[in-house]
Amino acid sequence: MPLKKSLRPPASLEGSEPPAGARIGRVVAFDGAEVRVDFEGNRAGPVPARVSAGIDDAALEAAAREQREAVLLFTGGASAQPVVLALLRSSTPHLDTALSEPLPAGRRLARVDGRRVEIEGHEEVVLRCGKASLTLRRDGKVVLRGVNVVSQADQVHKVRGGKVQIN
């Protein structure tokens, strides 16, 4: 089903500097018919895009869900006429695989949006690697354990507490 496309850019994009060559953007939405992308320098918000024939609907659905990066070209150099040429692989494939595994009902392990990672536990969250661990508890207690613990700051290093005990 072909989409009707205007050959004239929206007023919000007129006068903006046309993108030079290929750009990296993100697939931000796909509703089964229309793909929307966003890219650096775009002041109009997500814009409709055409898609290369080699990219199927399932890949577009996953790309939109994961806000995956894509290689964009622009028809006639117009910011309002992007073409999704290719989808890029994730830069965090192991994390993506772990997050895509089904979890028991009612449990949420992590949320990743490319800028922030939030890990949430109902009672506590434990990060462990070898002999080191960081435990965050529901009551606000933070336990940091390790063979050697180094705390370093380039600017002010503050230690605050109602009571501070050393040794």
Protein backbone atom coordinates (compact mmCIF):
# COMPACT_ATOMS: atom_id res chain seq x y z
CA MET A 1 0.00 0.00 0.00
CA PRO A 2 1.87 3.14 -1.17
CA LEU A 3 1.94 6.16 1.10
CA LYS A 4 1.15 9.59 -0.27
CA LYS A 5 4.19 11.77 0.14
CA SER A 6 4.41 15.50 -0.30
CA LEU A 7 7.38 16.62 -2.35
CA ARG A 8 7.47 19.89 -0.44
CA PRO A 9 9.06 19.94 3.05
CA PRO A 10 6.93 21.06 6.01
CA ALA A 11 7.22 24.76 6.90
CA SER A 12 9.14 23.84 10.09
CA LEU A 13 11.94 22.37 7.94
CA GLU A 14 12.05 24.98 5.19
CA GLY A 15 15.18 27.07 5.37
CA SER A 16 17.01 24.54 7.54
CA GLU A 17 20.39 23.43 6.34
CA PRO A 18 20.05 20.33 4.17
CA PRO A 19 21.81 17.23 5.47
CA ALA A 20 25.05 16.41 3.66
CA GLY A 21 25.45 12.76 2.66
CA ALA A 22 24.35 9.91 4.86
CA ARG A 23 23.44 10.57 8.48
CA ILE A 24 22.82 8.38 11.49
CA GLY A 25 19.35 8.78 12.94
CA ARG A 26 16.89 6.69 14.93
CA VAL A 27 13.74 4.85 13.99
CA VAL A 28 11.29 6.19 16.56
CA ALA A 29 7.92 4.88 15.37
CA PHE A 30 6.33 2.36 13.02
CA ASP A 31 2.57 1.81 12.87
CA GLY A 32 2.52 -0.86 10.20
CA ALA A 33 2.31 1.66 7.37
CA GLU A 34 4.44 4.69 8.22
CA VAL A 35 7.97 4.87 9.61
CA ARG A 36 9.07 7.95 11.53
CA VAL A 37 12.69 8.85 12.15
CA ASP A 38 14.58 11.50 14.06
CA PHE A 39 18.12 12.72 13.62
CA GLU A 40 20.52 15.34 14.97
CA GLY A 41 19.72 18.82 13.72
CA ASN A 42 16.07 17.98 13.06
CA ARG A 43 13.95 20.71 14.64
CA ALA A 44 10.60 19.39 13.40
CA GLY A 45 10.48 16.25 15.54
CA PRO A 46 10.09 12.74 14.08
CA VAL A 47 9.41 12.85 10.34
CA PRO A 48 7.94 10.23 7.99
CA ALA A 49 10.55 8.28 6.04
CA ARG A 50 10.71 5.99 3.05
CA VAL A 51 12.38 2.61 3.61
CA SER A 52 14.79 0.54 1.58
CA ALA A 53 13.20 -2.56 0.06
CA GLY A 54 15.55 -4.85 2.01
CA ILE A 55 14.01 -3.95 5.39
CA ASP A 56 10.84 -5.87 6.33
CA ASP A 57 8.02 -4.88 8.68
CA ALA A 58 9.24 -7.14 11.52
CA ALA A 59 12.64 -5.44 11.46
CA LEU A 60 10.97 -2.02 11.46
CA GLU A 61 8.75 -2.96 14.41
CA ALA A 62 11.80 -4.11 16.39
CA ALA A 63 13.78 -1.01 15.36
CA ALA A 64 11.00 1.32 16.53
CA ARG A 65 10.55 -0.58 19.80
CA GLU A 66 14.32 -0.42 20.49
CA GLN A 67 14.77 3.09 19.01
CA ARG A 68 17.50 1.54 16.86
CA GLU A 69 19.96 3.63 14.89
CA ALA A 70 19.62 3.73 11.11
CA VAL A 71 21.58 5.06 8.15
CA LEU A 72 19.55 7.85 6.56
CA LEU A 73 19.86 9.45 3.13
CA PHE A 74 17.81 12.46 2.11
CA THR A 75 15.93 12.77 -1.18
CA GLY A 76 17.18 15.90 -2.93
CA GLY A 77 19.06 16.84 0.25
CA ALA A 78 15.74 17.75 1.95
CA SER A 79 15.52 17.16 5.71
CA ALA A 80 11.82 16.38 5.31
CA GLN A 81 12.44 13.48 2.91
CA PRO A 82 14.61 10.89 4.71
CA VAL A 83 15.11 7.38 3.38
CA VAL A 84 16.03 4.57 5.80
CA LEU A 85 18.83 2.85 3.92
CA ALA A 86 19.89 0.35 6.61
CA LEU A 87 19.37 -0.50 10.27
CA LEU A 88 22.48 -0.59 12.45
CA ARG A 89 23.31 -3.34 14.89
CA SER A 90 23.10 -2.50 18.56
CA SER A 91 26.27 -1.33 20.28
CA THR A 92 25.19 -3.36 23.36
CA PRO A 93 24.19 -6.77 21.93
CA HIS A 94 24.75 -8.75 25.15
CA LEU A 95 22.59 -6.38 27.17
CA ASP A 96 19.91 -6.38 24.47
CA THR A 97 19.87 -10.19 24.47
CA ALA A 98 19.55 -10.32 28.25
CA LEU A 99 16.72 -7.81 28.21
CA SER A 100 14.84 -9.60 25.44
CA GLU A 101 14.65 -12.89 27.36
CA PRO A 102 11.19 -13.45 28.84
CA LEU A 103 10.87 -12.74 32.55
CA PRO A 104 8.48 -14.32 35.03
CA ALA A 105 5.13 -12.51 35.15
CA GLY A 106 5.19 -9.32 37.18
CA ARG A 107 8.99 -8.96 37.19
CA ARG A 108 10.77 -6.15 35.44
CA LEU A 109 14.52 -6.47 35.19
CA ALA A 110 15.76 -3.42 33.31
CA ARG A 111 14.75 -0.62 31.01
CA VAL A 112 17.17 0.70 28.39
CA ASP A 113 16.62 3.72 26.16
CA GLY A 114 20.14 4.37 24.91
CA ARG A 115 20.82 7.21 27.34
CA ARG A 116 19.94 5.71 30.70
CA VAL A 117 19.79 2.27 32.23
CA GLU A 118 17.41 1.76 35.13
CA ILE A 119 17.45 -1.46 37.11
CA GLU A 120 14.71 -1.84 39.65
CA GLY A 121 14.06 -4.45 42.32
CA HIS A 122 11.17 -4.60 44.76
CA GLU A 123 13.29 -5.49 47.81
CA GLU A 124 16.89 -5.05 46.67
CA VAL A 125 19.22 -4.81 43.68
CA VAL A 126 22.59 -6.55 43.72
CA LEU A 127 25.38 -5.94 41.21
CA ARG A 128 28.08 -8.57 41.57
CA CYS A 129 31.36 -9.22 39.79
CA GLY A 130 33.86 -11.65 41.34
CA LYS A 131 34.60 -10.57 44.93
CA ALA A 132 32.96 -7.14 44.50
CA SER A 133 29.31 -6.30 45.04
CA LEU A 134 26.99 -3.33 45.36
CA THR A 135 23.67 -3.89 47.11
CA LEU A 136 20.84 -1.34 47.14
CA ARG A 137 18.08 -2.12 49.64
CA ARG A 138 14.50 -0.93 49.81
CA ASP A 139 15.04 0.73 53.20
CA GLY A 140 17.71 3.02 51.65
CA LYS A 141 20.75 1.09 52.83
CA VAL A 142 23.63 0.83 50.33
CA VAL A 143 26.27 -1.86 50.88
CA LEU A 144 29.49 -1.71 48.87
CA ARG A 145 31.91 -4.63 49.32
CA GLY A 146 35.23 -5.43 47.73
CA VAL A 147 38.78 -6.56 48.37
CA ASN A 148 40.00 -3.01 47.62
CA VAL A 149 37.62 -0.05 47.35
CA VAL A 150 38.83 3.11 45.65
CA SER A 151 36.85 6.33 45.76
CA GLN A 152 38.21 9.15 43.63
CA ALA A 153 37.01 12.57 42.48
CA ASP A 154 38.41 15.20 40.14
CA GLN A 155 36.51 17.90 42.00
CA VAL A 156 35.10 18.06 45.54
CA HIS A 157 34.76 14.67 47.27
CA LYS A 158 32.06 14.90 49.95
CA VAL A 159 31.35 12.40 52.70
CA ARG A 160 28.11 13.23 54.49
CA GLY A 161 26.01 11.46 57.03
CA GLY A 162 24.21 11.95 60.32
CA LYS A 163 27.19 10.05 61.76
CA VAL A 164 30.39 9.09 59.92
CA GLN A 165 32.45 6.15 61.18
CA ILE A 166 35.91 5.40 59.82
CA ASN A 167 37.32 2.01 60.87
